Structures are given as C-alpha cells and as structure tokens.
Amino acid sequence: MIRILTSLLFLLSALPSHATGPSFPLHGNWCGIGHSGGPYSAAPIDPLDAACMRHDICAAQRGELNCGCDISFMRELRYQRWPNPVIADKARAIHDAIAMMPCANPMGMAYKAARLASDMTSDTVIGRELPTDILRRWAKVVSSGLSRSYWSR
C-alpha cells in the first residue's frame, strides 16, 4: 500500500503545476498538484491553504524543484498549530508527501528524507501515533485528492 501511494504521489509530482493537465486538489484553493489558486487566484481559505499558497509562490519564483521551498514548507506544516485535528492530519500528510517529492539538490533530498524518517520514528516511539496511522493519513488525503481531481485545458 505504501509503495502504491508513494508511486502515485511521485508520478503526480512530475506534472508541472503551471501547465494544463491533471489537477489533484488536496485542500482549499492552493493545496495540491496542479492546484495553485484556481483560475482567478482565489484567496486561501485557512492557515493550511495559506501555507500551500506560500509554497506555490516560492516554487514559481525559485523553480518547481527547489529544495529550499520544500524544506521551508515542511517546517511550516510540521510546527504550525492547526485549528482542528482534520486540518492537522491533512497538513501532516502533505508534509510527508513533500518530503518524498524530488528536488534539485541531492543534499536537500537527503535532508527531506531524514526529516521524514525522524518524524515518523519519533512519533511512533513516543506513542503519539501507530505506524498504521501514517498509512491511514496518506490514504485519506490521496482519496480526497482523487475524488476532487480534474483535467484542465
């Protein structure tokens, strides 16, 4: 299951977000692959959507595969206080997905992978979550994105 989800996220990440094609909205107006503010650059609906907007703007300015944009986004997602557990779960799943997405700098990729492994291990060891919670979180976000996905022209 984890390989399927990882493969799906990796393939979707290869799609340029600014081009026409599939859109994979995960949350609000800005979170998701190919889902950057919609056709009218809609305002973010909440703090998670605002974090996604900042990441999208950073990637547009510095390049789609910029590790610095991803790492800043991961930090914001991981340490922000979210208004409710549903949004916190989505933020964590997006954090995990960004950690697995490719970026241009091998050191940045290594940092992202190490951060993900450390977070997962510490959360499991201290009893904050079970290993199955990770899969549950990813499956929820992927199924939500698939149910809202569309092809733009």
N, C-alpha and C. Protein backbone atom coordinates (compact mmCIF):
# COMPACT_ATOMS: atom_id res chain seq x y z
N MET A 1 0.82 -1.19 0.00
CA MET A 1 0.00 0.00 0.00
C MET A 1 0.87 1.26 0.00
N ILE A 2 1.89 1.27 0.85
CA ILE A 2 2.76 2.45 0.92
C ILE A 2 3.48 2.67 -0.40
N ARG A 3 3.88 1.59 -1.07
CA ARG A 3 4.55 1.74 -2.37
C ARG A 3 3.61 2.32 -3.41
N ILE A 4 2.36 1.90 -3.39
CA ILE A 4 1.39 2.42 -4.35
C ILE A 4 1.17 3.91 -4.12
N LEU A 5 0.95 4.30 -2.86
CA LEU A 5 0.73 5.72 -2.55
C LEU A 5 1.95 6.56 -2.89
N THR A 6 3.13 6.06 -2.55
CA THR A 6 4.36 6.78 -2.85
C THR A 6 4.54 6.93 -4.35
N SER A 7 4.29 5.86 -5.09
CA SER A 7 4.42 5.91 -6.55
C SER A 7 3.45 6.90 -7.16
N LEU A 8 2.20 6.89 -6.68
CA LEU A 8 1.20 7.82 -7.19
C LEU A 8 1.62 9.27 -6.93
N LEU A 9 2.05 9.56 -5.72
CA LEU A 9 2.48 10.92 -5.39
C LEU A 9 3.69 11.33 -6.21
N PHE A 10 4.63 10.40 -6.41
CA PHE A 10 5.82 10.71 -7.20
C PHE A 10 5.44 11.02 -8.65
N LEU A 11 4.57 10.20 -9.24
CA LEU A 11 4.15 10.44 -10.62
C LEU A 11 3.41 11.77 -10.75
N LEU A 12 2.54 12.05 -9.81
CA LEU A 12 1.81 13.31 -9.86
C LEU A 12 2.74 14.51 -9.68
N SER A 13 3.80 14.33 -8.90
CA SER A 13 4.73 15.45 -8.68
C SER A 13 5.50 15.80 -9.94
N ALA A 14 5.61 14.87 -10.86
CA ALA A 14 6.35 15.12 -12.09
C ALA A 14 5.58 16.04 -13.03
N LEU A 15 4.30 16.22 -12.77
CA LEU A 15 3.49 17.09 -13.62
C LEU A 15 3.76 18.55 -13.26
N PRO A 16 4.03 19.39 -14.24
CA PRO A 16 4.24 20.80 -13.92
C PRO A 16 2.94 21.42 -13.42
N SER A 17 3.02 22.18 -12.33
CA SER A 17 1.81 22.72 -11.74
C SER A 17 1.23 23.90 -12.53
N HIS A 18 2.05 24.55 -13.33
CA HIS A 18 1.57 25.73 -14.05
C HIS A 18 0.99 25.38 -15.42
N ALA A 19 1.18 24.16 -15.87
CA ALA A 19 0.72 23.77 -17.20
C ALA A 19 -0.70 23.24 -17.13
N THR A 20 -1.29 23.09 -18.31
CA THR A 20 -2.60 22.47 -18.36
C THR A 20 -2.42 20.98 -18.15
N GLY A 21 -3.45 20.36 -17.69
CA GLY A 21 -3.40 18.93 -17.45
C GLY A 21 -4.10 18.57 -16.16
N PRO A 22 -3.74 17.43 -15.61
CA PRO A 22 -4.45 16.97 -14.42
C PRO A 22 -4.23 17.89 -13.22
N SER A 23 -5.27 18.06 -12.46
CA SER A 23 -5.18 18.80 -11.21
C SER A 23 -5.57 17.84 -10.09
N PHE A 24 -4.82 17.89 -9.01
CA PHE A 24 -5.01 16.98 -7.89
C PHE A 24 -5.18 17.81 -6.62
N PRO A 25 -6.36 18.45 -6.45
CA PRO A 25 -6.57 19.31 -5.29
C PRO A 25 -6.67 18.51 -4.00
N LEU A 26 -5.91 18.91 -2.99
CA LEU A 26 -5.95 18.21 -1.71
C LEU A 26 -6.71 18.98 -0.64
N HIS A 27 -6.65 20.32 -0.74
CA HIS A 27 -7.31 21.12 0.29
C HIS A 27 -7.41 22.56 -0.19
N GLY A 28 -8.54 23.18 0.02
CA GLY A 28 -8.70 24.60 -0.26
C GLY A 28 -8.45 24.98 -1.71
N ASN A 29 -7.91 26.18 -1.89
CA ASN A 29 -7.66 26.72 -3.22
C ASN A 29 -6.22 26.54 -3.70
N TRP A 30 -5.29 26.15 -2.81
CA TRP A 30 -3.88 26.14 -3.17
C TRP A 30 -3.18 24.82 -2.94
N CYS A 31 -3.72 23.93 -2.14
CA CYS A 31 -3.02 22.68 -1.78
C CYS A 31 -3.30 21.58 -2.78
N GLY A 32 -2.26 21.11 -3.43
CA GLY A 32 -2.38 20.00 -4.36
C GLY A 32 -1.59 20.24 -5.62
N ILE A 33 -1.30 19.18 -6.30
CA ILE A 33 -0.51 19.24 -7.52
C ILE A 33 -1.37 19.80 -8.65
N GLY A 34 -0.87 20.86 -9.30
CA GLY A 34 -1.62 21.50 -10.37
C GLY A 34 -2.81 22.28 -9.86
N HIS A 35 -2.82 22.63 -8.61
CA HIS A 35 -3.97 23.29 -7.98
C HIS A 35 -3.47 24.55 -7.26
N SER A 36 -3.10 25.56 -8.03
CA SER A 36 -2.49 26.76 -7.45
C SER A 36 -3.41 27.96 -7.55
N GLY A 37 -4.35 28.05 -6.67
CA GLY A 37 -5.19 29.23 -6.59
C GLY A 37 -6.34 29.27 -7.57
N GLY A 38 -6.46 28.28 -8.40
CA GLY A 38 -7.56 28.27 -9.35
C GLY A 38 -7.38 29.30 -10.45
N PRO A 39 -8.35 29.41 -11.33
CA PRO A 39 -8.21 30.32 -12.47
C PRO A 39 -8.19 31.79 -12.08
N TYR A 40 -8.69 32.13 -10.91
CA TYR A 40 -8.75 33.53 -10.51
C TYR A 40 -7.88 33.83 -9.30
N SER A 41 -6.91 32.97 -9.03
CA SER A 41 -6.03 33.13 -7.87
C SER A 41 -6.82 33.43 -6.60
N ALA A 42 -7.69 32.52 -6.26
CA ALA A 42 -8.55 32.67 -5.09
C ALA A 42 -7.73 32.79 -3.81
N ALA A 43 -8.28 33.47 -2.85
CA ALA A 43 -7.62 33.64 -1.55
C ALA A 43 -7.61 32.31 -0.80
N PRO A 44 -6.61 32.11 0.05
CA PRO A 44 -6.57 30.89 0.87
C PRO A 44 -7.77 30.85 1.82
N ILE A 45 -8.25 29.65 2.10
CA ILE A 45 -9.44 29.51 2.96
C ILE A 45 -9.09 29.34 4.44
N ASP A 46 -7.83 29.00 4.74
CA ASP A 46 -7.42 28.77 6.13
C ASP A 46 -5.89 28.75 6.20
N PRO A 47 -5.31 28.55 7.39
CA PRO A 47 -3.85 28.58 7.51
C PRO A 47 -3.13 27.51 6.67
N LEU A 48 -3.71 26.34 6.52
CA LEU A 48 -3.08 25.31 5.69
C LEU A 48 -3.04 25.75 4.23
N ASP A 49 -4.14 26.28 3.75
CA ASP A 49 -4.20 26.76 2.38
C ASP A 49 -3.22 27.92 2.17
N ALA A 50 -3.06 28.78 3.17
CA ALA A 50 -2.11 29.89 3.07
C ALA A 50 -0.67 29.37 2.99
N ALA A 51 -0.37 28.32 3.75
CA ALA A 51 0.97 27.71 3.68
C ALA A 51 1.22 27.13 2.29
N CYS A 52 0.20 26.48 1.73
CA CYS A 52 0.33 25.93 0.38
C CYS A 52 0.54 27.05 -0.64
N MET A 53 -0.16 28.17 -0.46
CA MET A 53 0.00 29.32 -1.36
C MET A 53 1.44 29.83 -1.31
N ARG A 54 1.99 29.97 -0.11
CA ARG A 54 3.37 30.45 0.01
C ARG A 54 4.34 29.49 -0.68
N HIS A 55 4.11 28.19 -0.54
CA HIS A 55 4.97 27.21 -1.20
C HIS A 55 4.84 27.32 -2.72
N ASP A 56 3.62 27.47 -3.22
CA ASP A 56 3.42 27.60 -4.66
C ASP A 56 4.10 28.85 -5.21
N ILE A 57 3.99 29.95 -4.49
CA ILE A 57 4.63 31.19 -4.93
C ILE A 57 6.15 31.04 -4.91
N CYS A 58 6.69 30.42 -3.87
CA CYS A 58 8.14 30.18 -3.78
C CYS A 58 8.60 29.33 -4.97
N ALA A 59 7.87 28.25 -5.24
CA ALA A 59 8.24 27.36 -6.35
C ALA A 59 8.14 28.07 -7.70
N ALA A 60 7.16 28.96 -7.85
CA ALA A 60 7.03 29.71 -9.10
C ALA A 60 8.21 30.67 -9.27
N GLN A 61 8.69 31.25 -8.18
CA GLN A 61 9.78 32.21 -8.25
C GLN A 61 11.16 31.55 -8.33
N ARG A 62 11.34 30.44 -7.61
CA ARG A 62 12.67 29.82 -7.50
C ARG A 62 12.82 28.53 -8.28
N GLY A 63 11.73 28.04 -8.85
CA GLY A 63 11.79 26.80 -9.63
C GLY A 63 11.00 25.69 -8.97
N GLU A 64 10.34 24.91 -9.80
CA GLU A 64 9.46 23.83 -9.33
C GLU A 64 10.15 22.85 -8.40
N LEU A 65 11.41 22.56 -8.63
CA LEU A 65 12.11 21.54 -7.85
C LEU A 65 13.06 22.14 -6.82
N ASN A 66 12.74 23.32 -6.33
CA ASN A 66 13.62 24.00 -5.37
C ASN A 66 13.49 23.36 -3.99
N CYS A 67 14.57 22.81 -3.50
CA CYS A 67 14.57 22.14 -2.19
C CYS A 67 14.29 23.12 -1.05
N GLY A 68 14.79 24.34 -1.17
CA GLY A 68 14.56 25.33 -0.12
C GLY A 68 13.09 25.62 0.09
N CYS A 69 12.34 25.72 -1.01
CA CYS A 69 10.89 25.94 -0.90
C CYS A 69 10.23 24.78 -0.17
N ASP A 70 10.62 23.57 -0.55
CA ASP A 70 10.04 22.37 0.08
C ASP A 70 10.37 22.30 1.56
N ILE A 71 11.62 22.56 1.91
CA ILE A 71 12.05 22.45 3.31
C ILE A 71 11.36 23.52 4.17
N SER A 72 11.25 24.74 3.66
CA SER A 72 10.52 25.79 4.40
C SER A 72 9.06 25.40 4.60
N PHE A 73 8.46 24.86 3.56
CA PHE A 73 7.07 24.41 3.61
C PHE A 73 6.91 23.28 4.63
N MET A 74 7.83 22.33 4.61
CA MET A 74 7.77 21.22 5.56
C MET A 74 7.85 21.73 7.00
N ARG A 75 8.74 22.67 7.25
CA ARG A 75 8.87 23.23 8.61
C ARG A 75 7.56 23.90 9.04
N GLU A 76 7.00 24.68 8.14
CA GLU A 76 5.74 25.36 8.47
C GLU A 76 4.63 24.34 8.74
N LEU A 77 4.53 23.32 7.91
CA LEU A 77 3.49 22.32 8.10
C LEU A 77 3.67 21.55 9.40
N ARG A 78 4.90 21.28 9.75
CA ARG A 78 5.17 20.44 10.92
C ARG A 78 4.98 21.20 12.23
N TYR A 79 5.31 22.47 12.27
CA TYR A 79 5.33 23.18 13.55
C TYR A 79 4.20 24.18 13.75
N GLN A 80 3.36 24.36 12.77
CA GLN A 80 2.20 25.26 12.88
C GLN A 80 1.16 24.63 13.81
N ARG A 81 0.47 25.45 14.57
CA ARG A 81 -0.67 24.97 15.37
C ARG A 81 -1.90 25.07 14.47
N TRP A 82 -2.54 23.95 14.21
CA TRP A 82 -3.67 23.91 13.29
C TRP A 82 -4.98 24.06 14.05
N PRO A 83 -6.01 24.64 13.41
CA PRO A 83 -7.26 24.93 14.11
C PRO A 83 -8.06 23.69 14.54
N ASN A 84 -7.84 22.55 13.87
CA ASN A 84 -8.56 21.34 14.26
C ASN A 84 -7.80 20.10 13.80
N PRO A 85 -8.15 18.93 14.33
CA PRO A 85 -7.42 17.70 14.00
C PRO A 85 -7.52 17.29 12.53
N VAL A 86 -8.61 17.62 11.87
CA VAL A 86 -8.76 17.26 10.45
C VAL A 86 -7.71 18.00 9.62
N ILE A 87 -7.57 19.29 9.85
CA ILE A 87 -6.58 20.08 9.11
C ILE A 87 -5.17 19.66 9.52
N ALA A 88 -4.97 19.36 10.79
CA ALA A 88 -3.65 18.90 11.25
C ALA A 88 -3.26 17.61 10.54
N ASP A 89 -4.21 16.69 10.37
CA ASP A 89 -3.96 15.43 9.67
C ASP A 89 -3.59 15.68 8.20
N LYS A 90 -4.33 16.59 7.55
CA LYS A 90 -4.02 16.92 6.16
C LYS A 90 -2.64 17.55 6.04
N ALA A 91 -2.34 18.47 6.96
CA ALA A 91 -1.04 19.14 6.93
C ALA A 91 0.08 18.12 7.09
N ARG A 92 -0.09 17.18 7.98
CA ARG A 92 0.95 16.16 8.19
C ARG A 92 1.09 15.27 6.95
N ALA A 93 -0.02 14.90 6.33
CA ALA A 93 0.06 14.07 5.12
C ALA A 93 0.75 14.83 3.99
N ILE A 94 0.44 16.11 3.84
CA ILE A 94 1.10 16.93 2.81
C ILE A 94 2.59 17.06 3.14
N HIS A 95 2.91 17.25 4.40
CA HIS A 95 4.31 17.29 4.86
C HIS A 95 5.03 16.02 4.42
N ASP A 96 4.43 14.87 4.69
CA ASP A 96 5.04 13.58 4.34
C ASP A 96 5.23 13.46 2.83
N ALA A 97 4.22 13.89 2.07
CA ALA A 97 4.30 13.79 0.61
C ALA A 97 5.40 14.70 0.05
N ILE A 98 5.48 15.93 0.56
CA ILE A 98 6.53 16.86 0.11
C ILE A 98 7.91 16.29 0.42
N ALA A 99 8.03 15.62 1.56
CA ALA A 99 9.32 15.02 1.95
C ALA A 99 9.77 13.97 0.94
N MET A 100 8.82 13.32 0.28
CA MET A 100 9.16 12.26 -0.67
C MET A 100 9.27 12.75 -2.11
N MET A 101 8.90 14.00 -2.36
CA MET A 101 8.96 14.53 -3.71
C MET A 101 10.40 14.89 -4.08
N PRO A 102 10.75 14.68 -5.34
CA PRO A 102 12.12 15.02 -5.75
C PRO A 102 12.35 16.53 -5.72
N CYS A 103 13.60 16.89 -5.48
CA CYS A 103 14.01 18.29 -5.60
C CYS A 103 15.40 18.31 -6.22
N ALA A 104 15.84 19.48 -6.65
CA ALA A 104 17.04 19.60 -7.48
C ALA A 104 18.35 19.30 -6.77
N ASN A 105 18.43 19.53 -5.49
CA ASN A 105 19.68 19.39 -4.75
C ASN A 105 19.72 18.07 -3.98
N PRO A 106 20.72 17.21 -4.23
CA PRO A 106 20.79 15.93 -3.52
C PRO A 106 20.86 16.10 -1.99
N MET A 107 21.52 17.15 -1.52
CA MET A 107 21.58 17.38 -0.08
C MET A 107 20.20 17.76 0.47
N GLY A 108 19.45 18.51 -0.31
CA GLY A 108 18.09 18.86 0.09
C GLY A 108 17.20 17.63 0.14
N MET A 109 17.36 16.75 -0.85
CA MET A 109 16.60 15.49 -0.86
C MET A 109 16.95 14.66 0.37
N ALA A 110 18.23 14.58 0.69
CA ALA A 110 18.67 13.80 1.85
C ALA A 110 18.09 14.39 3.13
N TYR A 111 18.09 15.71 3.23
CA TYR A 111 17.53 16.36 4.42
C TYR A 111 16.04 16.05 4.55
N LYS A 112 15.31 16.18 3.44
CA LYS A 112 13.87 15.92 3.48
C LYS A 112 13.59 14.48 3.90
N ALA A 113 14.32 13.52 3.34
CA ALA A 113 14.12 12.11 3.69
C ALA A 113 14.47 11.85 5.15
N ALA A 114 15.55 12.45 5.63
CA ALA A 114 15.95 12.26 7.03
C ALA A 114 14.91 12.87 7.98
N ARG A 115 14.39 14.03 7.62
CA ARG A 115 13.36 14.68 8.45
C ARG A 115 12.11 13.80 8.54
N LEU A 116 11.70 13.25 7.41
CA LEU A 116 10.52 12.38 7.39
C LEU A 116 10.75 11.14 8.24
N ALA A 117 11.89 10.49 8.06
CA ALA A 117 12.19 9.28 8.83
C ALA A 117 12.25 9.59 10.32
N SER A 118 12.85 10.69 10.68
CA SER A 118 12.96 11.08 12.09
C SER A 118 11.58 11.35 12.70
N ASP A 119 10.75 12.09 11.97
CA ASP A 119 9.40 12.39 12.47
C ASP A 119 8.58 11.12 12.66
N MET A 120 8.62 10.25 11.66
CA MET A 120 7.84 9.01 11.75
C MET A 120 8.32 8.14 12.90
N THR A 121 9.62 8.02 13.03
CA THR A 121 10.18 7.18 14.09
C THR A 121 9.85 7.74 15.46
N SER A 122 10.09 9.03 15.66
CA SER A 122 9.85 9.61 16.99
C SER A 122 8.37 9.57 17.36
N ASP A 123 7.49 9.85 16.41
CA ASP A 123 6.05 9.81 16.70
C ASP A 123 5.60 8.40 17.09
N THR A 124 6.18 7.40 16.45
CA THR A 124 5.82 6.02 16.77
C THR A 124 6.42 5.59 18.11
N VAL A 125 7.68 5.92 18.33
CA VAL A 125 8.37 5.51 19.56
C VAL A 125 7.73 6.13 20.80
N ILE A 126 7.37 7.42 20.73
CA ILE A 126 6.80 8.05 21.92
C ILE A 126 5.31 7.77 22.07
N GLY A 127 4.73 7.05 21.12
CA GLY A 127 3.33 6.66 21.23
C GLY A 127 2.34 7.70 20.75
N ARG A 128 2.82 8.72 20.04
CA ARG A 128 1.92 9.74 19.50
C ARG A 128 1.02 9.15 18.42
N GLU A 129 1.57 8.21 17.66
CA GLU A 129 0.77 7.54 16.64
C GLU A 129 1.33 6.15 16.36
N LEU A 130 0.47 5.31 15.82
CA LEU A 130 0.87 3.97 15.42
C LEU A 130 1.42 4.03 14.00
N PRO A 131 2.24 3.07 13.60
CA PRO A 131 2.70 3.05 12.20
C PRO A 131 1.54 3.03 11.21
N THR A 132 0.44 2.40 11.57
CA THR A 132 -0.72 2.35 10.67
C THR A 132 -1.38 3.71 10.51
N ASP A 133 -1.19 4.62 11.46
CA ASP A 133 -1.75 5.97 11.34
C ASP A 133 -1.15 6.71 10.15
N ILE A 134 0.09 6.44 9.86
CA ILE A 134 0.76 7.08 8.73
C ILE A 134 0.06 6.68 7.43
N LEU A 135 -0.18 5.38 7.26
CA LEU A 135 -0.86 4.90 6.06
C LEU A 135 -2.29 5.42 5.99
N ARG A 136 -2.98 5.46 7.12
CA ARG A 136 -4.35 5.97 7.16
C ARG A 136 -4.38 7.42 6.70
N ARG A 137 -3.44 8.22 7.21
CA ARG A 137 -3.39 9.64 6.87
C ARG A 137 -3.15 9.82 5.37
N TRP A 138 -2.19 9.08 4.82
CA TRP A 138 -1.89 9.20 3.39
C TRP A 138 -3.07 8.75 2.55
N ALA A 139 -3.68 7.63 2.91
CA ALA A 139 -4.81 7.11 2.13
C ALA A 139 -5.96 8.11 2.12
N LYS A 140 -6.22 8.76 3.25
CA LYS A 140 -7.29 9.75 3.33
C LYS A 140 -7.04 10.93 2.39
N VAL A 141 -5.83 11.44 2.41
CA VAL A 141 -5.51 12.60 1.59
C VAL A 141 -5.51 12.24 0.11
N VAL A 142 -4.94 11.09 -0.23
CA VAL A 142 -4.91 10.67 -1.64
C VAL A 142 -6.33 10.43 -2.15
N SER A 143 -7.17 9.78 -1.36
CA SER A 143 -8.54 9.53 -1.83
C SER A 143 -9.32 10.83 -1.96
N SER A 144 -9.07 11.78 -1.06
CA SER A 144 -9.71 13.09 -1.16
C SER A 144 -9.26 13.81 -2.43
N GLY A 145 -7.96 13.78 -2.70
CA GLY A 145 -7.44 14.41 -3.91
C GLY A 145 -7.97 13.77 -5.18
N LEU A 146 -8.04 12.44 -5.19
CA LEU A 146 -8.55 11.75 -6.37
C LEU A 146 -10.02 12.08 -6.60
N SER A 147 -10.78 12.20 -5.53
CA SER A 147 -12.21 12.49 -5.69
C SER A 147 -12.44 13.91 -6.22
N ARG A 148 -11.49 14.81 -6.01
CA ARG A 148 -11.62 16.20 -6.46
C ARG A 148 -10.78 16.50 -7.70
N SER A 149 -10.06 15.50 -8.23
CA SER A 149 -9.15 15.75 -9.35
C SER A 149 -9.94 16.03 -10.63
N TYR A 150 -9.29 16.76 -11.53
CA TYR A 150 -9.90 17.09 -12.81
C TYR A 150 -8.80 17.39 -13.82
N TRP A 151 -9.17 17.49 -15.06
CA TRP A 151 -8.24 17.79 -16.15
C TRP A 151 -8.56 19.18 -16.66
N SER A 152 -7.59 20.08 -16.60
CA SER A 152 -7.82 21.45 -17.10
C SER A 152 -7.29 21.59 -18.51
N ARG A 153 -7.81 22.58 -19.21
CA ARG A 153 -7.39 22.80 -20.60
C ARG A 153 -6.49 23.98 -20.71
